[in-house]
Amino acid sequence: MKVRYSEASGPNAGSTGQNTTVSCGVGDGNLVSGGAAISGSNVTTTDFTGPGSAGDHLNGSFPSDSSGNPVSDGTTTAASWTAFTHTGGMASTTNHSDVWALCANDGV
């Protein structure tokens, strides 16, 4: 098992969205799942905190191509996971979009 992680600053402007994508690397195996969050700080340097405003939220996360486009229903070759985060009506200053990909090599 290999967990790949990516974090991007934002979204911070009121009523805006942002995609953040991470991909399985060469030798990591196949994408088997993923996860996502919107947080109020960099989770690699501090504990997880909530986003900057009560209206900031994760709209969804999904298997994708490396550009963040959702894959078609039934696709078995997705190698990336994308998070779509969104701010509420107010601006925030500390948001981060977090996304994880769980990759597994079955040894074949």
PDB file of N, CA and C in Angstrom:
ATOM      1  N   MET A   1       0.832  -1.181   0.000  1.00  0.00           N
ATOM      2  CA  MET A   1       0.000   0.000   0.000  1.00  0.00           C
ATOM      3  C   MET A   1       0.876   1.244   0.000  1.00  0.00           C
ATOM      4  N   LYS A   2       0.443   2.222  -0.724  1.00  0.00           N
ATOM      5  CA  LYS A   2       1.112   3.513  -0.765  1.00  0.00           C
ATOM      6  C   LYS A   2       0.038   4.596  -0.715  1.00  0.00           C
ATOM      7  N   VAL A   3       0.219   5.579   0.155  1.00  0.00           N
ATOM      8  CA  VAL A   3      -0.696   6.708   0.213  1.00  0.00           C
ATOM      9  C   VAL A   3       0.017   7.910  -0.395  1.00  0.00           C
ATOM     10  N   ARG A   4      -0.595   8.490  -1.390  1.00  0.00           N
ATOM     11  CA  ARG A   4      -0.091   9.716  -2.008  1.00  0.00           C
ATOM     12  C   ARG A   4      -0.953  10.866  -1.510  1.00  0.00           C
ATOM     13  N   TYR A   5      -0.341  12.013  -1.302  1.00  0.00           N
ATOM     14  CA  TYR A   5      -1.032  13.153  -0.711  1.00  0.00           C
ATOM     15  C   TYR A   5      -0.644  14.434  -1.439  1.00  0.00           C
ATOM     16  N   SER A   6      -1.619  15.323  -1.561  1.00  0.00           N
ATOM     17  CA  SER A   6      -1.343  16.637  -2.114  1.00  0.00           C
ATOM     18  C   SER A   6      -2.184  17.658  -1.361  1.00  0.00           C
ATOM     19  N   GLU A   7      -1.617  18.839  -1.211  1.00  0.00           N
ATOM     20  CA  GLU A   7      -2.329  19.929  -0.561  1.00  0.00           C
ATOM     21  C   GLU A   7      -2.071  21.201  -1.355  1.00  0.00           C
ATOM     22  N   ALA A   8      -3.113  21.998  -1.509  1.00  0.00           N
ATOM     23  CA  ALA A   8      -2.992  23.281  -2.202  1.00  0.00           C
ATOM     24  C   ALA A   8      -3.602  24.363  -1.326  1.00  0.00           C
ATOM     25  N   SER A   9      -3.000  25.518  -1.324  1.00  0.00           N
ATOM     26  CA  SER A   9      -3.546  26.650  -0.593  1.00  0.00           C
ATOM     27  C   SER A   9      -4.836  27.103  -1.274  1.00  0.00           C
ATOM     28  N   GLY A  10      -5.853  27.391  -0.480  1.00  0.00           N
ATOM     29  CA  GLY A  10      -7.119  27.881  -1.022  1.00  0.00           C
ATOM     30  C   GLY A  10      -8.181  26.806  -1.081  1.00  0.00           C
ATOM     31  N   PRO A  11      -9.353  27.144  -1.542  1.00  0.00           N
ATOM     32  CA  PRO A  11      -9.780  28.434  -2.063  1.00  0.00           C
ATOM     33  C   PRO A  11     -10.044  29.424  -0.925  1.00  0.00           C
ATOM     34  N   ASN A  12      -9.796  30.676  -1.186  1.00  0.00           N
ATOM     35  CA  ASN A  12      -9.968  31.696  -0.157  1.00  0.00           C
ATOM     36  C   ASN A  12     -10.923  32.824  -0.524  1.00  0.00           C
ATOM     37  N   ALA A  13     -11.087  33.123  -1.803  1.00  0.00           N
ATOM     38  CA  ALA A  13     -12.034  34.164  -2.211  1.00  0.00           C
ATOM     39  C   ALA A  13     -13.459  33.666  -1.996  1.00  0.00           C
ATOM     40  N   GLY A  14     -14.356  34.551  -1.577  1.00  0.00           N
ATOM     41  CA  GLY A  14     -15.734  34.162  -1.347  1.00  0.00           C
ATOM     42  C   GLY A  14     -16.386  33.545  -2.573  1.00  0.00           C
ATOM     43  N   SER A  15     -17.156  32.493  -2.355  1.00  0.00           N
ATOM     44  CA  SER A  15     -17.943  31.815  -3.405  1.00  0.00           C
ATOM     45  C   SER A  15     -17.100  31.292  -4.553  1.00  0.00           C
ATOM     46  N   THR A  16     -15.925  30.742  -4.263  1.00  0.00           N
ATOM     47  CA  THR A  16     -15.092  30.152  -5.316  1.00  0.00           C
ATOM     48  C   THR A  16     -14.809  28.684  -5.011  1.00  0.00           C
ATOM     49  N   GLY A  17     -14.528  27.939  -6.067  1.00  0.00           N
ATOM     50  CA  GLY A  17     -14.209  26.521  -5.947  1.00  0.00           C
ATOM     51  C   GLY A  17     -12.799  26.233  -6.414  1.00  0.00           C
ATOM     52  N   GLN A  18     -12.326  25.050  -6.064  1.00  0.00           N
ATOM     53  CA  GLN A  18     -10.964  24.663  -6.434  1.00  0.00           C
ATOM     54  C   GLN A  18     -10.872  23.141  -6.515  1.00  0.00           C
ATOM     55  N   ASN A  19     -10.214  22.658  -7.549  1.00  0.00           N
ATOM     56  CA  ASN A  19      -9.879  21.235  -7.661  1.00  0.00           C
ATOM     57  C   ASN A  19      -8.439  21.026  -7.229  1.00  0.00           C
ATOM     58  N   THR A  20      -8.185  19.938  -6.515  1.00  0.00           N
ATOM     59  CA  THR A  20      -6.839  19.533  -6.138  1.00  0.00           C
ATOM     60  C   THR A  20      -6.734  18.038  -6.431  1.00  0.00           C
ATOM     61  N   THR A  21      -5.687  17.630  -7.148  1.00  0.00           N
ATOM     62  CA  THR A  21      -5.566  16.255  -7.619  1.00  0.00           C
ATOM     63  C   THR A  21      -4.234  15.658  -7.207  1.00  0.00           C
ATOM     64  N   VAL A  22      -4.246  14.366  -6.888  1.00  0.00           N
ATOM     65  CA  VAL A  22      -3.032  13.608  -6.611  1.00  0.00           C
ATOM     66  C   VAL A  22      -3.123  12.288  -7.381  1.00  0.00           C
ATOM     67  N   SER A  23      -1.970  11.787  -7.819  1.00  0.00           N
ATOM     68  CA  SER A  23      -1.934  10.566  -8.622  1.00  0.00           C
ATOM     69  C   SER A  23      -1.043   9.517  -7.986  1.00  0.00           C
ATOM     70  N   CYS A  24      -1.359   8.256  -8.264  1.00  0.00           N
ATOM     71  CA  CYS A  24      -0.472   7.162  -7.884  1.00  0.00           C
ATOM     72  C   CYS A  24       0.788   7.284  -8.737  1.00  0.00           C
ATOM     73  N   GLY A  25       1.928   7.003  -8.134  1.00  0.00           N
ATOM     74  CA  GLY A  25       3.191   7.086  -8.842  1.00  0.00           C
ATOM     75  C   GLY A  25       3.570   5.779  -9.503  1.00  0.00           C
ATOM     76  N   VAL A  26       4.596   5.827 -10.311  1.00  0.00           N
ATOM     77  CA  VAL A  26       5.121   4.630 -10.967  1.00  0.00           C
ATOM     78  C   VAL A  26       5.543   3.644  -9.876  1.00  0.00           C
ATOM     79  N   GLY A  27       5.107   2.423  -9.962  1.00  0.00           N
ATOM     80  CA  GLY A  27       5.453   1.408  -8.986  1.00  0.00           C
ATOM     81  C   GLY A  27       4.553   1.378  -7.761  1.00  0.00           C
ATOM     82  N   ASP A  28       3.597   2.337  -7.665  1.00  0.00           N
ATOM     83  CA  ASP A  28       2.684   2.363  -6.512  1.00  0.00           C
ATOM     84  C   ASP A  28       1.566   1.340  -6.633  1.00  0.00           C
ATOM     85  N   GLY A  29       1.314   0.848  -7.827  1.00  0.00           N
ATOM     86  CA  GLY A  29       0.176  -0.036  -8.047  1.00  0.00           C
ATOM     87  C   GLY A  29      -1.018   0.747  -8.541  1.00  0.00           C
ATOM     88  N   ASN A  30      -2.188   0.165  -8.341  1.00  0.00           N
ATOM     89  CA  ASN A  30      -3.431   0.735  -8.856  1.00  0.00           C
ATOM     90  C   ASN A  30      -4.139   1.581  -7.803  1.00  0.00           C
ATOM     91  N   LEU A  31      -4.847   2.593  -8.274  1.00  0.00           N
ATOM     92  CA  LEU A  31      -5.685   3.392  -7.392  1.00  0.00           C
ATOM     93  C   LEU A  31      -6.817   2.515  -6.877  1.00  0.00           C
ATOM     94  N   VAL A  32      -6.997   2.461  -5.557  1.00  0.00           N
ATOM     95  CA  VAL A  32      -8.092   1.681  -4.995  1.00  0.00           C
ATOM     96  C   VAL A  32      -9.102   2.543  -4.250  1.00  0.00           C
ATOM     97  N   SER A  33      -8.707   3.753  -3.848  1.00  0.00           N
ATOM     98  CA  SER A  33      -9.617   4.648  -3.148  1.00  0.00           C
ATOM     99  C   SER A  33      -8.946   6.002  -2.972  1.00  0.00           C
ATOM    100  N   GLY A  34      -9.654   6.902  -2.325  1.00  0.00           N
ATOM    101  CA  GLY A  34      -9.099   8.214  -2.047  1.00  0.00           C
ATOM    102  C   GLY A  34      -9.896   8.921  -0.982  1.00  0.00           C
ATOM    103  N   GLY A  35      -9.445  10.107  -0.620  1.00  0.00           N
ATOM    104  CA  GLY A  35     -10.131  10.906   0.379  1.00  0.00           C
ATOM    105  C   GLY A  35      -9.789  12.359   0.200  1.00  0.00           C
ATOM    106  N   ALA A  36     -10.537  13.231   0.880  1.00  0.00           N
ATOM    107  CA  ALA A  36     -10.329  14.659   0.702  1.00  0.00           C
ATOM    108  C   ALA A  36     -10.879  15.433   1.883  1.00  0.00           C
ATOM    109  N   ALA A  37     -10.411  16.662   2.013  1.00  0.00           N
ATOM    110  CA  ALA A  37     -10.888  17.563   3.065  1.00  0.00           C
ATOM    111  C   ALA A  37     -10.555  18.992   2.692  1.00  0.00           C
ATOM    112  N   ILE A  38     -11.224  19.923   3.350  1.00  0.00           N
ATOM    113  CA  ILE A  38     -10.823  21.326   3.320  1.00  0.00           C
ATOM    114  C   ILE A  38     -10.462  21.666   4.758  1.00  0.00           C
ATOM    115  N   SER A  39      -9.288  22.243   4.936  1.00  0.00           N
ATOM    116  CA  SER A  39      -8.795  22.502   6.291  1.00  0.00           C
ATOM    117  C   SER A  39      -8.382  23.961   6.441  1.00  0.00           C
ATOM    118  N   GLY A  40      -8.087  24.333   7.678  1.00  0.00           N
ATOM    119  CA  GLY A  40      -7.724  25.705   7.974  1.00  0.00           C
ATOM    120  C   GLY A  40      -6.234  25.931   8.105  1.00  0.00           C
ATOM    121  N   SER A  41      -5.433  24.906   7.814  1.00  0.00           N
ATOM    122  CA  SER A  41      -3.981  25.064   7.905  1.00  0.00           C
ATOM    123  C   SER A  41      -3.312  23.920   7.158  1.00  0.00           C
ATOM    124  N   ASN A  42      -2.022  24.013   7.015  1.00  0.00           N
ATOM    125  CA  ASN A  42      -1.242  22.991   6.339  1.00  0.00           C
ATOM    126  C   ASN A  42      -1.158  21.756   7.233  1.00  0.00           C
ATOM    127  N   VAL A  43      -1.803  20.649   6.837  1.00  0.00           N
ATOM    128  CA  VAL A  43      -1.859  19.460   7.692  1.00  0.00           C
ATOM    129  C   VAL A  43      -0.531  18.711   7.751  1.00  0.00           C
ATOM    130  N   THR A  44       0.439  19.091   6.927  1.00  0.00           N
ATOM    131  CA  THR A  44       1.748  18.445   7.018  1.00  0.00           C
ATOM    132  C   THR A  44       2.626  19.086   8.077  1.00  0.00           C
ATOM    133  N   THR A  45       2.255  20.277   8.565  1.00  0.00           N
ATOM    134  CA  THR A  45       3.073  20.962   9.559  1.00  0.00           C
ATOM    135  C   THR A  45       2.355  21.210  10.881  1.00  0.00           C
ATOM    136  N   THR A  46       1.052  20.926  10.955  1.00  0.00           N
ATOM    137  CA  THR A  46       0.291  21.170  12.175  1.00  0.00           C
ATOM    138  C   THR A  46      -0.886  20.205  12.235  1.00  0.00           C
ATOM    139  N   ASP A  47      -1.568  20.135  13.353  1.00  0.00           N
ATOM    140  CA  ASP A  47      -2.756  19.306  13.480  1.00  0.00           C
ATOM    141  C   ASP A  47      -3.860  19.826  12.570  1.00  0.00           C
ATOM    142  N   PHE A  48      -4.781  18.947  12.209  1.00  0.00           N
ATOM    143  CA  PHE A  48      -5.909  19.336  11.373  1.00  0.00           C
ATOM    144  C   PHE A  48      -6.766  20.362  12.108  1.00  0.00           C
ATOM    145  N   THR A  49      -7.120  21.425  11.404  1.00  0.00           N
ATOM    146  CA  THR A  49      -8.053  22.425  11.931  1.00  0.00           C
ATOM    147  C   THR A  49      -9.144  22.648  10.894  1.00  0.00           C
ATOM    148  N   GLY A  50     -10.282  23.097  11.336  1.00  0.00           N
ATOM    149  CA  GLY A  50     -11.385  23.375  10.433  1.00  0.00           C
ATOM    150  C   GLY A  50     -11.055  24.527   9.501  1.00  0.00           C
ATOM    151  N   PRO A  51     -11.810  24.666   8.408  1.00  0.00           N
ATOM    152  CA  PRO A  51     -11.557  25.742   7.455  1.00  0.00           C
ATOM    153  C   PRO A  51     -11.796  27.112   8.072  1.00  0.00           C
ATOM    154  N   GLY A  52     -11.384  28.145   7.339  1.00  0.00           N
ATOM    155  CA  GLY A  52     -11.408  29.509   7.842  1.00  0.00           C
ATOM    156  C   GLY A  52     -12.786  30.084   8.101  1.00  0.00           C
ATOM    157  N   SER A  53     -13.811  29.600   7.420  1.00  0.00           N
ATOM    158  CA  SER A  53     -15.160  30.127   7.572  1.00  0.00           C
ATOM    159  C   SER A  53     -16.134  28.963   7.694  1.00  0.00           C
ATOM    160  N   ALA A  54     -17.223  29.171   8.414  1.00  0.00           N
ATOM    161  CA  ALA A  54     -18.202  28.095   8.614  1.00  0.00           C
ATOM    162  C   ALA A  54     -18.839  27.627   7.307  1.00  0.00           C
ATOM    163  N   GLY A  55     -18.838  28.452   6.274  1.00  0.00           N
ATOM    164  CA  GLY A  55     -19.450  28.072   5.007  1.00  0.00           C
ATOM    165  C   GLY A  55     -18.527  27.338   4.056  1.00  0.00           C
ATOM    166  N   ASP A  56     -17.241  27.211   4.384  1.00  0.00           N
ATOM    167  CA  ASP A  56     -16.284  26.516   3.513  1.00  0.00           C
ATOM    168  C   ASP A  56     -16.543  25.012   3.600  1.00  0.00           C
ATOM    169  N   HIS A  57     -16.485  24.321   2.466  1.00  0.00           N
ATOM    170  CA  HIS A  57     -16.867  22.913   2.486  1.00  0.00           C
ATOM    171  C   HIS A  57     -16.227  22.111   1.348  1.00  0.00           C
ATOM    172  N   LEU A  58     -16.235  20.817   1.548  1.00  0.00           N
ATOM    173  CA  LEU A  58     -15.834  19.861   0.522  1.00  0.00           C
ATOM    174  C   LEU A  58     -17.085  19.527  -0.278  1.00  0.00           C
ATOM    175  N   ASN A  59     -17.061  19.820  -1.571  1.00  0.00           N
ATOM    176  CA  ASN A  59     -18.210  19.487  -2.417  1.00  0.00           C
ATOM    177  C   ASN A  59     -18.192  18.034  -2.848  1.00  0.00           C
ATOM    178  N   GLY A  60     -17.011  17.441  -2.919  1.00  0.00           N
ATOM    179  CA  GLY A  60     -16.928  16.040  -3.309  1.00  0.00           C
ATOM    180  C   GLY A  60     -15.511  15.642  -3.618  1.00  0.00           C
ATOM    181  N   SER A  61     -15.318  14.335  -3.732  1.00  0.00           N
ATOM    182  CA  SER A  61     -14.035  13.789  -4.168  1.00  0.00           C
ATOM    183  C   SER A  61     -14.327  12.578  -5.023  1.00  0.00           C
ATOM    184  N   PHE A  62     -13.445  12.309  -5.995  1.00  0.00           N
ATOM    185  CA  PHE A  62     -13.774  11.301  -6.999  1.00  0.00           C
ATOM    186  C   PHE A  62     -12.522  10.813  -7.719  1.00  0.00           C
ATOM    187  N   PRO A  63     -12.583   9.585  -8.283  1.00  0.00           N
ATOM    188  CA  PRO A  63     -11.482   9.126  -9.131  1.00  0.00           C
ATOM    189  C   PRO A  63     -11.444   9.973 -10.396  1.00  0.00           C
ATOM    190  N   SER A  64     -10.226  10.248 -10.867  1.00  0.00           N
ATOM    191  CA  SER A  64     -10.082  11.179 -11.987  1.00  0.00           C
ATOM    192  C   SER A  64      -8.857  10.842 -12.823  1.00  0.00           C
ATOM    193  N   ASP A  65      -8.690  11.612 -13.914  1.00  0.00           N
ATOM    194  CA  ASP A  65      -7.420  11.573 -14.627  1.00  0.00           C
ATOM    195  C   ASP A  65      -6.472  12.557 -13.941  1.00  0.00           C
ATOM    196  N   SER A  66      -5.255  12.656 -14.395  1.00  0.00           N
ATOM    197  CA  SER A  66      -4.263  13.498 -13.723  1.00  0.00           C
ATOM    198  C   SER A  66      -4.570  14.988 -13.827  1.00  0.00           C
ATOM    199  N   SER A  67      -5.506  15.368 -14.702  1.00  0.00           N
ATOM    200  CA  SER A  67      -5.921  16.768 -14.836  1.00  0.00           C
ATOM    201  C   SER A  67      -7.126  17.106 -13.962  1.00  0.00           C
ATOM    202  N   GLY A  68      -7.644  16.128 -13.226  1.00  0.00           N
ATOM    203  CA  GLY A  68      -8.780  16.360 -12.346  1.00  0.00           C
ATOM    204  C   GLY A  68     -10.136  16.140 -12.971  1.00  0.00           C
ATOM    205  N   ASN A  69     -10.167  15.586 -14.187  1.00  0.00           N
ATOM    206  CA  ASN A  69     -11.444  15.292 -14.839  1.00  0.00           C
ATOM    207  C   ASN A  69     -11.985  13.965 -14.331  1.00  0.00           C
ATOM    208  N   PRO A  70     -13.267  13.909 -13.946  1.00  0.00           N
ATOM    209  CA  PRO A  70     -13.831  12.633 -13.480  1.00  0.00           C
ATOM    210  C   PRO A  70     -13.711  11.560 -14.553  1.00  0.00           C
ATOM    211  N   VAL A  71     -13.472  10.328 -14.118  1.00  0.00           N
ATOM    212  CA  VAL A  71     -13.427   9.221 -15.072  1.00  0.00           C
ATOM    213  C   VAL A  71     -14.847   8.742 -15.347  1.00  0.00           C
ATOM    214  N   SER A  72     -15.035   8.040 -16.442  1.00  0.00           N
ATOM    215  CA  SER A  72     -16.341   7.520 -16.817  1.00  0.00           C
ATOM    216  C   SER A  72     -16.766   6.393 -15.891  1.00  0.00           C
ATOM    217  N   ASP A  73     -18.062   6.230 -15.743  1.00  0.00           N
ATOM    218  CA  ASP A  73     -18.613   5.148 -14.948  1.00  0.00           C
ATOM    219  C   ASP A  73     -18.098   3.806 -15.462  1.00  0.00           C
ATOM    220  N   GLY A  74     -17.615   2.968 -14.583  1.00  0.00           N
ATOM    221  CA  GLY A  74     -17.108   1.657 -14.954  1.00  0.00           C
ATOM    222  C   GLY A  74     -15.636   1.619 -15.298  1.00  0.00           C
ATOM    223  N   THR A  75     -14.973   2.770 -15.330  1.00  0.00           N
ATOM    224  CA  THR A  75     -13.547   2.815 -15.640  1.00  0.00           C
ATOM    225  C   THR A  75     -12.757   2.090 -14.563  1.00  0.00           C
ATOM    226  N   THR A  76     -11.813   1.260 -14.968  1.00  0.00           N
ATOM    227  CA  THR A  76     -10.997   0.510 -14.018  1.00  0.00           C
ATOM    228  C   THR A  76      -9.534   0.939 -14.055  1.00  0.00           C
ATOM    229  N   THR A  77      -9.225   1.977 -14.814  1.00  0.00           N
ATOM    230  CA  THR A  77      -7.830   2.387 -14.971  1.00  0.00           C
ATOM    231  C   THR A  77      -7.531   3.768 -14.395  1.00  0.00           C
ATOM    232  N   ALA A  78      -8.420   4.317 -13.572  1.00  0.00           N
ATOM    233  CA  ALA A  78      -8.157   5.627 -12.968  1.00  0.00           C
ATOM    234  C   ALA A  78      -6.893   5.535 -12.120  1.00  0.00           C
ATOM    235  N   ALA A  79      -6.056   6.547 -12.168  1.00  0.00           N
ATOM    236  CA  ALA A  79      -4.810   6.560 -11.395  1.00  0.00           C
ATOM    237  C   ALA A  79      -4.696   7.796 -10.510  1.00  0.00           C
ATOM    238  N   SER A  80      -5.757   8.608 -10.442  1.00  0.00           N
ATOM    239  CA  SER A  80      -5.714   9.854  -9.671  1.00  0.00           C
ATOM    240  C   SER A  80      -6.993  10.016  -8.866  1.00  0.00           C
ATOM    241  N   TRP A  81      -6.912  10.883  -7.851  1.00  0.00           N
ATOM    242  CA  TRP A  81      -8.078  11.216  -7.028  1.00  0.00           C
ATOM    243  C   TRP A  81      -8.142  12.739  -6.926  1.00  0.00           C
ATOM    244  N   THR A  82      -9.343  13.296  -7.054  1.00  0.00           N
ATOM    245  CA  THR A  82      -9.521  14.753  -7.039  1.00  0.00           C
ATOM    246  C   THR A  82     -10.502  15.167  -5.953  1.00  0.00           C
ATOM    247  N   ALA A  83     -10.176  16.272  -5.296  1.00  0.00           N
ATOM    248  CA  ALA A  83     -11.063  16.905  -4.326  1.00  0.00           C
ATOM    249  C   ALA A  83     -11.590  18.195  -4.942  1.00  0.00           C
ATOM    250  N   PHE A  84     -12.882  18.473  -4.738  1.00  0.00           N
ATOM    251  CA  PHE A  84     -13.449  19.756  -5.131  1.00  0.00           C
ATOM    252  C   PHE A  84     -13.906  20.468  -3.864  1.00  0.00           C
ATOM    253  N   THR A  85     -13.215  21.561  -3.524  1.00  0.00           N
ATOM    254  CA  THR A  85     -13.530  22.333  -2.334  1.00  0.00           C
ATOM    255  C   THR A  85     -14.139  23.673  -2.734  1.00  0.00           C
ATOM    256  N   HIS A  86     -14.862  24.293  -1.819  1.00  0.00           N
ATOM    257  CA  HIS A  86     -15.569  25.534  -2.148  1.00  0.00           C
ATOM    258  C   HIS A  86     -15.685  26.402  -0.905  1.00  0.00           C
ATOM    259  N   THR A  87     -15.511  27.715  -1.088  1.00  0.00           N
ATOM    260  CA  THR A  87     -15.740  28.636   0.022  1.00  0.00           C
ATOM    261  C   THR A  87     -17.208  29.017   0.059  1.00  0.00           C
ATOM    262  N   GLY A  88     -17.643  29.456   1.221  1.00  0.00           N
ATOM    263  CA  GLY A  88     -18.990  29.993   1.341  1.00  0.00           C
ATOM    264  C   GLY A  88     -19.027  31.392   0.747  1.00  0.00           C
ATOM    265  N   GLY A  89     -19.963  32.186   1.169  1.00  0.00           N
ATOM    266  CA  GLY A  89     -20.109  33.526   0.624  1.00  0.00           C
ATOM    267  C   GLY A  89     -19.087  34.523   1.131  1.00  0.00           C
ATOM    268  N   MET A  90     -18.345  34.145   2.174  1.00  0.00           N
ATOM    269  CA  MET A  90     -17.345  35.045   2.737  1.00  0.00           C
ATOM    270  C   MET A  90     -15.942  34.581   2.377  1.00  0.00           C
ATOM    271  N   ALA A  91     -15.028  35.519   2.276  1.00  0.00           N
ATOM    272  CA  ALA A  91     -13.631  35.175   2.015  1.00  0.00           C
ATOM    273  C   ALA A  91     -13.025  34.517   3.255  1.00  0.00           C
ATOM    274  N   SER A  92     -12.058  33.647   3.030  1.00  0.00           N
ATOM    275  CA  SER A  92     -11.291  33.007   4.093  1.00  0.00           C
ATOM    276  C   SER A  92      -9.821  33.272   3.804  1.00  0.00           C
ATOM    277  N   THR A  93      -8.990  33.189   4.798  1.00  0.00           N
ATOM    278  CA  THR A  93      -7.576  33.500   4.566  1.00  0.00           C
ATOM    279  C   THR A  93      -6.643  32.320   4.757  1.00  0.00           C
ATOM    280  N   THR A  94      -7.110  31.230   5.331  1.00  0.00           N
ATOM    281  CA  THR A  94      -6.188  30.146   5.687  1.00  0.00           C
ATOM    282  C   THR A  94      -6.563  28.792   5.107  1.00  0.00           C
ATOM    283  N   ASN A  95      -7.474  28.727   4.159  1.00  0.00           N
ATOM    284  CA  ASN A  95      -7.928  27.430   3.663  1.00  0.00           C
ATOM    285  C   ASN A  95      -6.843  26.669   2.917  1.00  0.00           C
ATOM    286  N   HIS A  96      -6.913  25.353   3.047  1.00  0.00           N
ATOM    287  CA  HIS A  96      -6.077  24.433   2.284  1.00  0.00           C
ATOM    288  C   HIS A  96      -6.977  23.309   1.787  1.00  0.00           C
ATOM    289  N   SER A  97      -6.763  22.868   0.552  1.00  0.00           N
ATOM    290  CA  SER A  97      -7.486  21.739  -0.024  1.00  0.00           C
ATOM    291  C   SER A  97      -6.570  20.525   0.041  1.00  0.00           C
ATOM    292  N   ASP A  98      -7.068  19.453   0.648  1.00  0.00           N
ATOM    293  CA  ASP A  98      -6.273  18.252   0.894  1.00  0.00           C
ATOM    294  C   ASP A  98      -6.873  17.069   0.150  1.00  0.00           C
ATOM    295  N   VAL A  99      -6.010  16.253  -0.464  1.00  0.00           N
ATOM    296  CA  VAL A  99      -6.498  15.076  -1.180  1.00  0.00           C
ATOM    297  C   VAL A  99      -5.501  13.937  -1.034  1.00  0.00           C
ATOM    298  N   TRP A 100      -6.038  12.720  -0.892  1.00  0.00           N
ATOM    299  CA  TRP A 100      -5.226  11.520  -0.741  1.00  0.00           C
ATOM    300  C   TRP A 100      -5.642  10.486  -1.775  1.00  0.00           C
ATOM    301  N   ALA A 101      -4.678   9.706  -2.250  1.00  0.00           N
ATOM    302  CA  ALA A 101      -4.933   8.564  -3.128  1.00  0.00           C
ATOM    303  C   ALA A 101      -4.345   7.337  -2.453  1.00  0.00           C
ATOM    304  N   LEU A 102      -5.121   6.272  -2.361  1.00  0.00           N
ATOM    305  CA  LEU A 102      -4.647   5.005  -1.822  1.00  0.00           C
ATOM    306  C   LEU A 102      -4.342   4.100  -2.999  1.00  0.00           C
ATOM    307  N   CYS A 103      -3.081   3.686  -3.089  1.00  0.00           N
ATOM    308  CA  CYS A 103      -2.605   2.883  -4.216  1.00  0.00           C
ATOM    309  C   CYS A 103      -2.137   1.530  -3.688  1.00  0.00           C
ATOM    310  N   ALA A 104      -2.438   0.476  -4.413  1.00  0.00           N
ATOM    311  CA  ALA A 104      -2.057  -0.865  -3.965  1.00  0.00           C
ATOM    312  C   ALA A 104      -1.451  -1.641  -5.128  1.00  0.00           C
ATOM    313  N   ASN A 105      -0.336  -2.275  -4.865  1.00  0.00           N
ATOM    314  CA  ASN A 105       0.320  -3.125  -5.858  1.00  0.00           C
ATOM    315  C   ASN A 105      -0.011  -4.558  -5.529  1.00  0.00           C
ATOM    316  N   ASP A 106      -0.723  -5.224  -6.440  1.00  0.00           N
ATOM    317  CA  ASP A 106      -1.140  -6.590  -6.172  1.00  0.00           C
ATOM    318  C   ASP A 106      -0.072  -7.623  -6.501  1.00  0.00           C
ATOM    319  N   GLY A 107       1.110  -7.144  -6.866  1.00  0.00           N
ATOM    320  CA  GLY A 107       2.225  -8.054  -7.115  1.00  0.00           C
ATOM    321  C   GLY A 107       2.258  -8.672  -8.497  1.00  0.00           C
ATOM    322  N   VAL A 108       1.315  -8.293  -9.357  1.00  0.00           N
ATOM    323  CA  VAL A 108       1.282  -8.862 -10.697  1.00  0.00           C
ATOM    324  C   VAL A 108       2.156  -8.060 -11.618  1.00  0.00           C
TER     325      VAL A 108
END
